[in-house]
């Protein structure tokens, strides 16, 4: 039996990772709220959170956070860090919007890792007809989605660490959490999803065998 993910396994892994990535973005917004709260007293934390999360779009949340942050006289090292994170948030918000708004499409005959993809609504037509249909360069496939999650997690932990620094508190978080990891290989993803299927599904040996055989 091939060690590659089957089409069924890849579909399960694709939507599992997509859910994790979108959830990771919620951590970014929560951590940004903590940075905003650091500009006020702890007695106003609840009111600050209510105000922050009543803002609908992330762009507006970010503009609000930037104005609040810059209204305070922070040490230069914190200002520098905020400016770096601000640029990252702008870029990664665009990536999050792609995950949320692109449409899903299957490519059953493409190579493993590219049999399901998120696509923009409008794609320039290719000059040459493909013998085996595969996702265009603009597509986001499973490794792209996992890498996006890694980016979001690193950004969230960086913001959280900054919120501790603004309060003059020592962060309990290891610095490594703020380091963006490389995208996993397909071999790593294959091991991860098969472990997940084995642990999560009832009567796992039989179900996992059916999924790999394409009969699940």
N, C-alpha and C. Protein backbone atom coordinates (compact mmCIF):
# COMPACT_ATOMS: atom_id res chain seq x y z
N UNK A 1 0.84 -1.20 0.00
CA UNK A 1 0.00 0.00 0.00
C UNK A 1 0.87 1.25 0.00
N UNK A 2 0.49 2.26 -0.79
CA UNK A 2 1.24 3.50 -0.85
C UNK A 2 1.17 4.23 0.49
N UNK A 3 2.25 4.93 0.82
CA UNK A 3 2.25 5.73 2.04
C UNK A 3 1.61 7.10 1.85
N UNK A 4 1.25 7.44 0.60
CA UNK A 4 0.61 8.72 0.34
C UNK A 4 -0.80 8.74 0.94
N UNK A 5 -1.26 9.94 1.26
CA UNK A 5 -2.64 10.10 1.70
C UNK A 5 -3.59 9.69 0.59
N UNK A 6 -4.67 8.99 0.93
CA UNK A 6 -5.70 8.72 -0.04
C UNK A 6 -6.52 10.00 -0.25
N UNK A 7 -7.37 9.99 -1.26
CA UNK A 7 -8.20 11.17 -1.49
C UNK A 7 -9.12 11.44 -0.30
N UNK A 8 -9.70 10.38 0.28
CA UNK A 8 -10.58 10.56 1.43
C UNK A 8 -9.82 11.11 2.64
N UNK A 9 -8.65 10.57 2.89
CA UNK A 9 -7.85 11.06 4.01
C UNK A 9 -7.48 12.52 3.81
N UNK A 10 -7.13 12.87 2.59
CA UNK A 10 -6.73 14.25 2.32
C UNK A 10 -7.90 15.21 2.51
N UNK A 11 -9.09 14.79 2.13
CA UNK A 11 -10.28 15.63 2.32
C UNK A 11 -10.53 15.88 3.80
N UNK A 12 -10.44 14.83 4.60
CA UNK A 12 -10.61 14.98 6.05
C UNK A 12 -9.55 15.92 6.62
N UNK A 13 -8.29 15.69 6.21
CA UNK A 13 -7.19 16.51 6.71
C UNK A 13 -7.35 17.97 6.29
N UNK A 14 -7.80 18.20 5.06
CA UNK A 14 -7.95 19.54 4.51
C UNK A 14 -8.91 20.37 5.37
N UNK A 15 -10.10 19.82 5.62
CA UNK A 15 -11.10 20.58 6.38
C UNK A 15 -10.75 20.66 7.85
N UNK A 16 -10.07 19.66 8.37
CA UNK A 16 -9.59 19.72 9.75
C UNK A 16 -8.59 20.86 9.92
N UNK A 17 -7.63 20.94 9.00
CA UNK A 17 -6.62 21.99 9.09
C UNK A 17 -7.22 23.38 8.82
N UNK A 18 -8.20 23.44 7.95
CA UNK A 18 -8.86 24.72 7.67
C UNK A 18 -9.56 25.24 8.93
N UNK A 19 -10.24 24.34 9.64
CA UNK A 19 -10.89 24.73 10.88
C UNK A 19 -9.89 25.21 11.93
N UNK A 20 -8.77 24.51 12.04
CA UNK A 20 -7.74 24.91 13.00
C UNK A 20 -7.16 26.28 12.66
N UNK A 21 -6.96 26.53 11.36
CA UNK A 21 -6.38 27.81 10.94
C UNK A 21 -7.32 28.98 11.24
N UNK A 22 -8.60 28.81 10.94
CA UNK A 22 -9.56 29.89 11.20
C UNK A 22 -9.69 30.13 12.70
N UNK A 23 -9.66 29.05 13.48
CA UNK A 23 -9.72 29.20 14.94
C UNK A 23 -8.47 29.90 15.47
N UNK A 24 -7.32 29.63 14.85
CA UNK A 24 -6.08 30.29 15.28
C UNK A 24 -6.18 31.80 15.10
N UNK A 25 -6.92 32.24 14.09
CA UNK A 25 -7.07 33.68 13.89
C UNK A 25 -7.84 34.32 15.04
N UNK A 26 -8.77 33.58 15.64
CA UNK A 26 -9.49 34.10 16.80
C UNK A 26 -8.52 34.40 17.94
N UNK A 27 -7.46 33.60 18.05
CA UNK A 27 -6.43 33.83 19.07
C UNK A 27 -5.68 35.13 18.76
N UNK A 28 -5.48 35.44 17.48
CA UNK A 28 -4.83 36.70 17.12
C UNK A 28 -5.67 37.88 17.61
N UNK A 29 -6.97 37.83 17.37
CA UNK A 29 -7.84 38.93 17.79
C UNK A 29 -7.90 39.06 19.31
N UNK A 30 -7.94 37.92 20.01
CA UNK A 30 -7.93 37.96 21.47
C UNK A 30 -6.64 38.59 21.99
N UNK A 31 -5.51 38.20 21.41
CA UNK A 31 -4.23 38.74 21.85
C UNK A 31 -4.12 40.23 21.54
N UNK A 32 -4.68 40.65 20.43
CA UNK A 32 -4.69 42.08 20.10
C UNK A 32 -5.52 42.84 21.13
N UNK A 33 -6.62 42.26 21.56
CA UNK A 33 -7.45 42.88 22.60
C UNK A 33 -6.65 43.06 23.89
N UNK A 34 -5.81 42.07 24.22
CA UNK A 34 -5.00 42.17 25.44
C UNK A 34 -4.00 43.32 25.33
N UNK A 35 -3.47 43.55 24.13
CA UNK A 35 -2.56 44.69 23.93
C UNK A 35 -3.32 46.00 24.16
N UNK A 36 -4.53 46.09 23.63
CA UNK A 36 -5.35 47.29 23.84
C UNK A 36 -5.63 47.48 25.33
N UNK A 37 -5.99 46.39 26.01
CA UNK A 37 -6.32 46.47 27.44
C UNK A 37 -5.15 46.95 28.27
N UNK A 38 -3.93 46.67 27.81
CA UNK A 38 -2.74 47.09 28.56
C UNK A 38 -2.60 48.60 28.60
N UNK A 39 -3.33 49.30 27.73
CA UNK A 39 -3.29 50.76 27.73
C UNK A 39 -4.22 51.36 28.76
N UNK A 40 -5.04 50.52 29.39
CA UNK A 40 -5.98 50.99 30.40
C UNK A 40 -5.70 50.29 31.73
N UNK A 41 -6.37 50.71 32.77
CA UNK A 41 -6.20 50.05 34.06
C UNK A 41 -6.92 48.71 34.04
N UNK A 42 -6.51 47.82 34.93
CA UNK A 42 -7.13 46.50 34.99
C UNK A 42 -8.61 46.57 35.35
N UNK A 43 -9.02 47.66 35.99
CA UNK A 43 -10.42 47.81 36.37
C UNK A 43 -11.32 48.05 35.15
N UNK A 44 -10.70 48.46 34.04
CA UNK A 44 -11.48 48.73 32.82
C UNK A 44 -11.35 47.61 31.79
N UNK A 45 -10.79 46.46 32.18
CA UNK A 45 -10.52 45.38 31.23
C UNK A 45 -11.79 44.86 30.58
N UNK A 46 -12.85 44.66 31.35
CA UNK A 46 -14.09 44.12 30.80
C UNK A 46 -14.72 45.10 29.81
N UNK A 47 -14.77 46.38 30.20
CA UNK A 47 -15.34 47.39 29.30
C UNK A 47 -14.52 47.52 28.02
N UNK A 48 -13.19 47.43 28.16
CA UNK A 48 -12.32 47.50 26.98
C UNK A 48 -12.60 46.36 26.03
N UNK A 49 -12.73 45.15 26.56
CA UNK A 49 -13.01 43.98 25.73
C UNK A 49 -14.34 44.10 25.03
N UNK A 50 -15.36 44.58 25.75
CA UNK A 50 -16.68 44.77 25.13
C UNK A 50 -16.58 45.76 23.99
N UNK A 51 -15.88 46.85 24.20
CA UNK A 51 -15.74 47.85 23.15
C UNK A 51 -14.98 47.32 21.95
N UNK A 52 -13.88 46.60 22.22
CA UNK A 52 -13.05 46.07 21.14
C UNK A 52 -13.83 45.08 20.29
N UNK A 53 -14.51 44.14 20.91
CA UNK A 53 -15.20 43.09 20.15
C UNK A 53 -16.55 43.53 19.58
N UNK A 54 -16.98 44.74 19.92
CA UNK A 54 -18.19 45.28 19.27
C UNK A 54 -17.86 45.84 17.90
N UNK A 55 -16.56 46.01 17.60
CA UNK A 55 -16.12 46.47 16.28
C UNK A 55 -16.17 45.28 15.33
N UNK A 56 -16.84 45.43 14.20
CA UNK A 56 -17.11 44.29 13.33
C UNK A 56 -15.90 43.81 12.54
N UNK A 57 -15.28 44.67 11.77
CA UNK A 57 -14.20 44.22 10.88
C UNK A 57 -12.86 44.24 11.58
N UNK A 58 -11.97 43.35 11.14
CA UNK A 58 -10.65 43.33 11.75
C UNK A 58 -9.87 44.59 11.40
N UNK A 59 -10.06 45.11 10.21
CA UNK A 59 -9.35 46.35 9.82
C UNK A 59 -9.68 47.48 10.80
N UNK A 60 -10.97 47.59 11.16
CA UNK A 60 -11.37 48.62 12.11
C UNK A 60 -10.82 48.33 13.50
N UNK A 61 -10.80 47.07 13.89
CA UNK A 61 -10.20 46.70 15.19
C UNK A 61 -8.73 47.11 15.24
N UNK A 62 -8.03 46.85 14.14
CA UNK A 62 -6.60 47.16 14.10
C UNK A 62 -6.36 48.66 14.14
N UNK A 63 -7.18 49.43 13.43
CA UNK A 63 -7.04 50.89 13.45
C UNK A 63 -7.31 51.43 14.85
N UNK A 64 -8.33 50.88 15.50
CA UNK A 64 -8.64 51.29 16.87
C UNK A 64 -7.47 50.98 17.80
N UNK A 65 -6.94 49.76 17.69
CA UNK A 65 -5.82 49.34 18.54
C UNK A 65 -4.61 50.24 18.31
N UNK A 66 -4.35 50.59 17.06
CA UNK A 66 -3.19 51.42 16.74
C UNK A 66 -3.32 52.81 17.37
N UNK A 67 -4.52 53.37 17.30
CA UNK A 67 -4.73 54.70 17.88
C UNK A 67 -4.60 54.67 19.40
N UNK A 68 -5.16 53.63 20.01
CA UNK A 68 -5.04 53.51 21.47
C UNK A 68 -3.59 53.35 21.87
N UNK A 69 -2.88 52.47 21.16
CA UNK A 69 -1.47 52.22 21.49
C UNK A 69 -0.66 53.49 21.38
N UNK A 70 -0.85 54.24 20.31
CA UNK A 70 -0.04 55.43 20.06
C UNK A 70 -0.45 56.62 20.92
N UNK A 71 -1.56 56.48 21.65
CA UNK A 71 -1.97 57.54 22.56
C UNK A 71 -1.17 57.51 23.86
N UNK A 72 -0.42 56.43 24.07
CA UNK A 72 0.38 56.27 25.29
C UNK A 72 1.86 56.51 24.98
N UNK A 73 2.62 56.84 25.99
CA UNK A 73 4.06 57.05 25.83
C UNK A 73 4.79 55.77 26.23
N UNK A 74 4.90 54.85 25.29
CA UNK A 74 5.57 53.58 25.57
C UNK A 74 7.06 53.69 25.31
N UNK A 75 7.87 52.86 25.96
CA UNK A 75 9.30 52.82 25.63
C UNK A 75 9.50 52.50 24.14
N UNK A 76 10.57 52.98 23.58
CA UNK A 76 10.81 52.84 22.15
C UNK A 76 10.84 51.39 21.71
N UNK A 77 11.37 50.49 22.55
CA UNK A 77 11.43 49.08 22.16
C UNK A 77 10.03 48.49 21.96
N UNK A 78 9.06 48.96 22.76
CA UNK A 78 7.68 48.48 22.60
C UNK A 78 7.04 49.08 21.34
N UNK A 79 7.36 50.34 21.07
CA UNK A 79 6.84 50.98 19.85
C UNK A 79 7.36 50.26 18.61
N UNK A 80 8.64 49.95 18.63
CA UNK A 80 9.24 49.24 17.49
C UNK A 80 8.57 47.88 17.29
N UNK A 81 8.37 47.16 18.39
CA UNK A 81 7.73 45.84 18.29
C UNK A 81 6.31 45.97 17.79
N UNK A 82 5.58 46.95 18.28
CA UNK A 82 4.21 47.15 17.82
C UNK A 82 4.17 47.44 16.32
N UNK A 83 5.05 48.29 15.84
CA UNK A 83 5.06 48.62 14.42
C UNK A 83 5.32 47.38 13.56
N UNK A 84 6.22 46.50 14.03
CA UNK A 84 6.49 45.25 13.32
C UNK A 84 5.25 44.36 13.28
N UNK A 85 4.60 44.23 14.42
CA UNK A 85 3.42 43.37 14.50
C UNK A 85 2.25 43.95 13.72
N UNK A 86 2.17 45.28 13.68
CA UNK A 86 1.11 45.94 12.93
C UNK A 86 1.18 45.56 11.45
N UNK A 87 2.38 45.60 10.89
CA UNK A 87 2.57 45.22 9.48
C UNK A 87 2.21 43.76 9.27
N UNK A 88 2.63 42.89 10.20
CA UNK A 88 2.29 41.48 10.09
C UNK A 88 0.79 41.26 10.13
N UNK A 89 0.10 41.97 11.01
CA UNK A 89 -1.35 41.81 11.11
C UNK A 89 -2.05 42.24 9.83
N UNK A 90 -1.57 43.32 9.22
CA UNK A 90 -2.17 43.75 7.96
C UNK A 90 -2.04 42.67 6.89
N UNK A 91 -0.85 42.08 6.78
CA UNK A 91 -0.61 41.06 5.77
C UNK A 91 -1.38 39.77 6.07
N UNK A 92 -1.35 39.36 7.32
CA UNK A 92 -1.97 38.09 7.66
C UNK A 92 -3.49 38.17 7.69
N UNK A 93 -4.04 39.37 7.88
CA UNK A 93 -5.48 39.53 7.78
C UNK A 93 -5.95 39.22 6.36
N UNK A 94 -5.15 39.57 5.37
CA UNK A 94 -5.49 39.24 3.99
C UNK A 94 -5.50 37.73 3.78
N UNK A 95 -4.53 37.05 4.39
CA UNK A 95 -4.47 35.59 4.29
C UNK A 95 -5.67 34.96 4.98
N UNK A 96 -6.03 35.47 6.14
CA UNK A 96 -7.21 34.94 6.86
C UNK A 96 -8.46 35.11 6.01
N UNK A 97 -8.59 36.25 5.32
CA UNK A 97 -9.77 36.48 4.48
C UNK A 97 -9.83 35.48 3.33
N UNK A 98 -8.69 35.09 2.81
CA UNK A 98 -8.67 34.08 1.76
C UNK A 98 -9.18 32.75 2.29
N UNK A 99 -8.75 32.37 3.49
CA UNK A 99 -9.21 31.11 4.08
C UNK A 99 -10.73 31.14 4.29
N UNK A 100 -11.24 32.30 4.66
CA UNK A 100 -12.67 32.41 4.98
C UNK A 100 -13.55 32.54 3.75
N UNK A 101 -13.01 33.11 2.67
CA UNK A 101 -13.88 33.48 1.55
C UNK A 101 -13.58 32.76 0.23
N UNK A 102 -12.44 32.14 0.10
CA UNK A 102 -12.19 31.37 -1.12
C UNK A 102 -13.13 30.16 -1.17
N UNK A 103 -13.39 29.66 -2.36
CA UNK A 103 -14.26 28.50 -2.52
C UNK A 103 -13.42 27.22 -2.62
N UNK A 104 -13.99 26.13 -2.15
CA UNK A 104 -13.28 24.84 -2.15
C UNK A 104 -13.58 24.08 -3.44
N UNK A 105 -12.53 23.44 -3.96
CA UNK A 105 -12.71 22.65 -5.18
C UNK A 105 -11.80 21.42 -5.12
N UNK A 106 -12.31 20.31 -5.61
CA UNK A 106 -11.54 19.08 -5.60
C UNK A 106 -10.84 18.82 -6.93
N UNK A 107 -9.66 18.21 -6.84
CA UNK A 107 -8.87 17.78 -8.00
C UNK A 107 -8.45 16.33 -7.76
N UNK A 108 -9.36 15.39 -7.96
CA UNK A 108 -9.11 14.00 -7.54
C UNK A 108 -7.92 13.33 -8.19
N UNK A 109 -7.49 13.82 -9.36
CA UNK A 109 -6.38 13.16 -10.05
C UNK A 109 -5.05 13.90 -9.90
N UNK A 110 -5.06 14.98 -9.12
CA UNK A 110 -3.81 15.70 -8.86
C UNK A 110 -2.97 14.91 -7.86
N UNK A 111 -1.74 15.33 -7.68
CA UNK A 111 -0.86 14.61 -6.76
C UNK A 111 -1.28 14.85 -5.31
N UNK A 112 -0.92 13.94 -4.41
CA UNK A 112 -1.28 14.10 -2.99
C UNK A 112 -0.82 15.46 -2.45
N UNK A 113 -1.71 16.08 -1.69
CA UNK A 113 -1.43 17.41 -1.15
C UNK A 113 -2.02 18.51 -2.00
N UNK A 114 -2.48 18.18 -3.21
CA UNK A 114 -3.07 19.18 -4.10
C UNK A 114 -4.38 18.68 -4.71
N UNK A 115 -5.02 17.74 -4.01
CA UNK A 115 -6.29 17.20 -4.53
C UNK A 115 -7.50 17.97 -4.04
N UNK A 116 -7.30 18.87 -3.11
CA UNK A 116 -8.36 19.79 -2.69
C UNK A 116 -7.72 21.14 -2.44
N UNK A 117 -8.42 22.21 -2.85
CA UNK A 117 -7.81 23.54 -2.78
C UNK A 117 -8.87 24.61 -2.55
N UNK A 118 -8.43 25.73 -1.99
CA UNK A 118 -9.25 26.93 -1.90
C UNK A 118 -8.86 27.85 -3.05
N UNK A 119 -9.88 28.34 -3.77
CA UNK A 119 -9.62 29.14 -4.97
C UNK A 119 -10.33 30.48 -4.89
N UNK A 120 -9.71 31.53 -5.44
CA UNK A 120 -10.42 32.81 -5.56
C UNK A 120 -11.55 32.67 -6.58
N UNK A 121 -12.50 33.59 -6.52
CA UNK A 121 -13.66 33.50 -7.42
C UNK A 121 -13.28 33.71 -8.88
N UNK A 122 -12.27 34.52 -9.12
CA UNK A 122 -11.89 34.82 -10.49
C UNK A 122 -10.44 34.40 -10.71
N UNK A 123 -10.23 33.55 -11.69
CA UNK A 123 -8.91 33.02 -12.01
C UNK A 123 -8.65 33.23 -13.49
N UNK A 124 -7.46 33.72 -13.81
CA UNK A 124 -7.11 33.91 -15.22
C UNK A 124 -7.04 32.55 -15.91
N UNK A 125 -7.61 32.42 -17.12
CA UNK A 125 -7.56 31.14 -17.82
C UNK A 125 -6.12 30.75 -18.18
N UNK A 126 -5.85 29.46 -18.15
CA UNK A 126 -4.52 28.97 -18.49
C UNK A 126 -4.34 28.96 -20.00
N UNK A 127 -3.10 29.14 -20.44
CA UNK A 127 -2.82 29.16 -21.87
C UNK A 127 -2.89 27.76 -22.48
N UNK A 128 -2.53 26.76 -21.67
CA UNK A 128 -2.48 25.40 -22.18
C UNK A 128 -3.42 24.50 -21.36
N UNK A 129 -4.09 23.62 -22.03
CA UNK A 129 -5.00 22.70 -21.35
C UNK A 129 -4.18 21.67 -20.57
N UNK A 130 -4.55 21.44 -19.34
CA UNK A 130 -3.85 20.48 -18.50
C UNK A 130 -4.31 19.06 -18.80
N UNK A 131 -3.35 18.14 -18.92
CA UNK A 131 -3.71 16.73 -19.11
C UNK A 131 -4.35 16.17 -17.84
N UNK A 132 -3.81 16.57 -16.71
CA UNK A 132 -4.38 16.20 -15.42
C UNK A 132 -4.74 17.49 -14.69
N UNK A 133 -6.03 17.80 -14.50
CA UNK A 133 -6.42 19.04 -13.83
C UNK A 133 -5.77 19.16 -12.45
N UNK A 134 -5.19 20.31 -12.17
CA UNK A 134 -4.55 20.56 -10.89
C UNK A 134 -4.79 22.01 -10.51
N UNK A 135 -4.64 22.35 -9.22
CA UNK A 135 -4.94 23.71 -8.76
C UNK A 135 -4.02 24.74 -9.40
N UNK A 136 -4.52 25.95 -9.66
CA UNK A 136 -3.68 27.02 -10.19
C UNK A 136 -2.74 27.55 -9.11
N UNK A 137 -1.84 28.41 -9.51
CA UNK A 137 -0.83 28.92 -8.58
C UNK A 137 -1.43 29.75 -7.45
N UNK A 138 -2.61 30.34 -7.69
CA UNK A 138 -3.25 31.17 -6.66
C UNK A 138 -3.92 30.34 -5.57
N UNK A 139 -4.05 29.04 -5.80
CA UNK A 139 -4.78 28.18 -4.87
C UNK A 139 -4.05 28.01 -3.55
N UNK A 140 -4.84 27.75 -2.52
CA UNK A 140 -4.31 27.38 -1.21
C UNK A 140 -4.63 25.92 -0.95
N UNK A 141 -3.59 25.09 -0.89
CA UNK A 141 -3.78 23.67 -0.62
C UNK A 141 -3.43 23.38 0.84
N UNK A 142 -3.44 22.11 1.20
CA UNK A 142 -3.36 21.78 2.62
C UNK A 142 -2.09 22.29 3.30
N UNK A 143 -0.93 22.20 2.64
CA UNK A 143 0.29 22.69 3.27
C UNK A 143 0.25 24.21 3.44
N UNK A 144 -0.37 24.92 2.50
CA UNK A 144 -0.52 26.37 2.61
C UNK A 144 -1.40 26.72 3.81
N UNK A 145 -2.45 25.93 4.02
CA UNK A 145 -3.37 26.19 5.13
C UNK A 145 -2.69 25.95 6.47
N UNK A 146 -1.93 24.86 6.56
CA UNK A 146 -1.21 24.58 7.81
C UNK A 146 -0.18 25.68 8.07
N UNK A 147 0.51 26.12 7.04
CA UNK A 147 1.50 27.19 7.20
C UNK A 147 0.82 28.48 7.66
N UNK A 148 -0.38 28.74 7.14
CA UNK A 148 -1.13 29.92 7.59
C UNK A 148 -1.42 29.82 9.09
N UNK A 149 -1.80 28.63 9.54
CA UNK A 149 -2.05 28.43 10.98
C UNK A 149 -0.79 28.71 11.79
N UNK A 150 0.34 28.23 11.31
CA UNK A 150 1.59 28.50 12.00
C UNK A 150 1.86 30.00 12.09
N UNK A 151 1.60 30.72 11.02
CA UNK A 151 1.79 32.17 11.01
C UNK A 151 0.88 32.84 12.04
N UNK A 152 -0.39 32.43 12.05
CA UNK A 152 -1.34 33.03 12.98
C UNK A 152 -0.95 32.76 14.43
N UNK A 153 -0.55 31.53 14.70
CA UNK A 153 -0.16 31.18 16.08
C UNK A 153 1.04 32.00 16.54
N UNK A 154 2.05 32.13 15.67
CA UNK A 154 3.23 32.90 16.03
C UNK A 154 2.88 34.36 16.27
N UNK A 155 2.01 34.91 15.44
CA UNK A 155 1.58 36.30 15.59
C UNK A 155 0.82 36.49 16.90
N UNK A 156 -0.08 35.56 17.20
CA UNK A 156 -0.88 35.66 18.43
C UNK A 156 0.02 35.64 19.66
N UNK A 157 0.98 34.72 19.68
CA UNK A 157 1.87 34.64 20.84
C UNK A 157 2.78 35.87 20.93
N UNK A 158 3.16 36.44 19.80
CA UNK A 158 3.96 37.67 19.82
C UNK A 158 3.16 38.82 20.43
N UNK A 159 1.89 38.92 20.05
CA UNK A 159 1.04 39.97 20.62
C UNK A 159 0.82 39.75 22.12
N UNK A 160 0.62 38.49 22.49
CA UNK A 160 0.41 38.17 23.90
C UNK A 160 1.65 38.53 24.72
N UNK A 161 2.81 38.22 24.18
CA UNK A 161 4.05 38.56 24.89
C UNK A 161 4.21 40.07 25.02
N UNK A 162 3.82 40.80 23.97
CA UNK A 162 3.88 42.26 24.04
C UNK A 162 2.94 42.79 25.12
N UNK A 163 1.76 42.19 25.25
CA UNK A 163 0.81 42.65 26.27
C UNK A 163 1.39 42.49 27.67
N UNK A 164 2.14 41.42 27.91
CA UNK A 164 2.81 41.25 29.21
C UNK A 164 3.87 42.32 29.41
N UNK A 165 4.64 42.59 28.35
CA UNK A 165 5.71 43.58 28.46
C UNK A 165 5.14 44.97 28.75
N UNK A 166 4.00 45.30 28.14
CA UNK A 166 3.39 46.61 28.38
C UNK A 166 2.93 46.76 29.82
N UNK A 167 2.58 45.64 30.43
CA UNK A 167 2.16 45.67 31.84
C UNK A 167 3.35 45.51 32.80
N UNK A 168 4.54 45.43 32.23
CA UNK A 168 5.76 45.23 33.02
C UNK A 168 5.70 43.92 33.79
N UNK A 169 5.15 42.91 33.13
CA UNK A 169 5.08 41.58 33.72
C UNK A 169 5.93 40.63 32.88
N UNK A 170 6.46 39.62 33.53
CA UNK A 170 7.23 38.61 32.82
C UNK A 170 6.28 37.63 32.15
N UNK A 171 6.49 37.42 30.88
CA UNK A 171 5.63 36.49 30.15
C UNK A 171 5.92 35.05 30.55
N UNK A 172 4.87 34.26 30.82
CA UNK A 172 5.08 32.85 31.12
C UNK A 172 5.29 32.00 29.86
N UNK A 173 5.18 32.65 28.71
CA UNK A 173 5.25 31.93 27.44
C UNK A 173 6.70 31.77 26.98
N UNK A 174 7.07 30.59 26.52
CA UNK A 174 8.42 30.43 25.94
C UNK A 174 8.54 31.24 24.65
N UNK A 175 9.69 31.84 24.46
CA UNK A 175 9.90 32.69 23.28
C UNK A 175 9.74 31.92 21.98
N UNK A 176 9.93 30.61 22.02
CA UNK A 176 9.84 29.79 20.81
C UNK A 176 8.44 29.81 20.21
N UNK A 177 7.41 30.07 21.02
CA UNK A 177 6.04 30.08 20.51
C UNK A 177 5.81 31.22 19.51
N UNK A 178 6.60 32.27 19.63
CA UNK A 178 6.46 33.41 18.73
C UNK A 178 7.27 33.25 17.45
N UNK A 179 7.93 32.11 17.31
CA UNK A 179 8.72 31.85 16.10
C UNK A 179 7.88 31.07 15.10
N UNK A 180 7.76 31.61 13.91
CA UNK A 180 6.97 30.96 12.87
C UNK A 180 7.66 29.68 12.37
N UNK A 181 6.92 28.59 12.34
CA UNK A 181 7.46 27.32 11.87
C UNK A 181 7.31 27.20 10.36
N UNK A 182 8.17 26.38 9.77
CA UNK A 182 8.05 26.10 8.34
C UNK A 182 6.84 25.21 8.07
N UNK A 183 6.37 25.26 6.84
CA UNK A 183 5.25 24.40 6.47
C UNK A 183 5.67 22.94 6.58
N UNK A 184 4.80 22.07 7.06
CA UNK A 184 5.16 20.65 7.21
C UNK A 184 5.28 19.97 5.85
N UNK A 185 6.02 18.90 5.80
CA UNK A 185 6.10 18.10 4.58
C UNK A 185 4.84 17.24 4.48
N UNK A 186 4.60 16.69 3.32
CA UNK A 186 3.45 15.81 3.17
C UNK A 186 3.62 14.55 4.00
N UNK A 187 4.84 14.10 4.17
CA UNK A 187 5.08 12.92 5.02
C UNK A 187 4.67 13.21 6.45
N UNK A 188 5.00 14.39 6.95
CA UNK A 188 4.62 14.77 8.31
C UNK A 188 3.10 14.88 8.44
N UNK A 189 2.46 15.49 7.45
CA UNK A 189 1.01 15.62 7.48
C UNK A 189 0.32 14.26 7.41
N UNK A 190 0.88 13.36 6.62
CA UNK A 190 0.30 12.02 6.50
C UNK A 190 0.33 11.30 7.84
N UNK A 191 1.45 11.36 8.53
CA UNK A 191 1.54 10.72 9.85
C UNK A 191 0.55 11.37 10.82
N UNK A 192 0.43 12.69 10.77
CA UNK A 192 -0.45 13.40 11.70
C UNK A 192 -1.91 13.02 11.49
N UNK A 193 -2.37 13.01 10.23
CA UNK A 193 -3.78 12.74 10.00
C UNK A 193 -4.11 11.28 10.29
N UNK A 194 -3.20 10.37 10.01
CA UNK A 194 -3.47 8.96 10.30
C UNK A 194 -3.49 8.69 11.80
N UNK A 195 -2.64 9.41 12.53
CA UNK A 195 -2.69 9.30 13.99
C UNK A 195 -4.02 9.84 14.51
N UNK A 196 -4.46 10.97 13.94
CA UNK A 196 -5.72 11.57 14.36
C UNK A 196 -6.89 10.64 14.07
N UNK A 197 -6.90 10.03 12.90
CA UNK A 197 -7.98 9.12 12.54
C UNK A 197 -8.00 7.91 13.45
N UNK A 198 -6.83 7.42 13.79
CA UNK A 198 -6.74 6.24 14.65
C UNK A 198 -7.27 6.54 16.05
N UNK A 199 -6.95 7.74 16.56
CA UNK A 199 -7.34 8.10 17.93
C UNK A 199 -8.80 8.53 17.99
N UNK A 200 -9.25 9.29 16.97
CA UNK A 200 -10.54 9.94 17.07
C UNK A 200 -11.72 9.07 16.66
N UNK A 201 -11.53 8.15 15.74
CA UNK A 201 -12.66 7.40 15.22
C UNK A 201 -12.91 6.13 16.01
N UNK A 202 -14.17 5.76 16.23
CA UNK A 202 -14.47 4.51 16.92
C UNK A 202 -14.10 3.32 16.05
N UNK A 203 -13.73 2.22 16.72
CA UNK A 203 -13.32 1.00 16.01
C UNK A 203 -12.28 1.40 14.96
N UNK A 204 -11.25 2.11 15.40
CA UNK A 204 -10.36 2.85 14.51
C UNK A 204 -9.66 2.00 13.47
N UNK A 205 -9.27 0.79 13.81
CA UNK A 205 -8.54 -0.02 12.85
C UNK A 205 -9.40 -0.31 11.62
N UNK A 206 -10.66 -0.67 11.85
CA UNK A 206 -11.54 -0.98 10.72
C UNK A 206 -11.90 0.26 9.92
N UNK A 207 -12.23 1.34 10.64
CA UNK A 207 -12.62 2.56 9.95
C UNK A 207 -11.44 3.13 9.17
N UNK A 208 -10.25 3.17 9.82
CA UNK A 208 -9.07 3.70 9.14
C UNK A 208 -8.74 2.91 7.90
N UNK A 209 -8.90 1.61 7.95
CA UNK A 209 -8.63 0.78 6.78
C UNK A 209 -9.59 1.10 5.66
N UNK A 210 -10.89 1.32 6.01
CA UNK A 210 -11.86 1.64 4.97
C UNK A 210 -11.57 3.00 4.34
N UNK A 211 -11.15 4.00 5.17
CA UNK A 211 -10.84 5.33 4.65
C UNK A 211 -9.67 5.25 3.69
N UNK A 212 -8.60 4.51 4.08
CA UNK A 212 -7.45 4.41 3.19
C UNK A 212 -7.79 3.68 1.91
N UNK A 213 -8.74 2.75 1.99
CA UNK A 213 -9.13 1.99 0.79
C UNK A 213 -10.08 2.79 -0.09
N UNK A 214 -10.56 3.94 0.45
CA UNK A 214 -11.50 4.76 -0.33
C UNK A 214 -12.91 4.28 -0.25
N UNK A 215 -13.24 3.45 0.75
CA UNK A 215 -14.58 2.91 0.86
C UNK A 215 -15.33 3.50 2.05
N UNK A 216 -14.70 4.47 2.76
CA UNK A 216 -15.31 5.04 3.96
C UNK A 216 -16.39 5.98 3.60
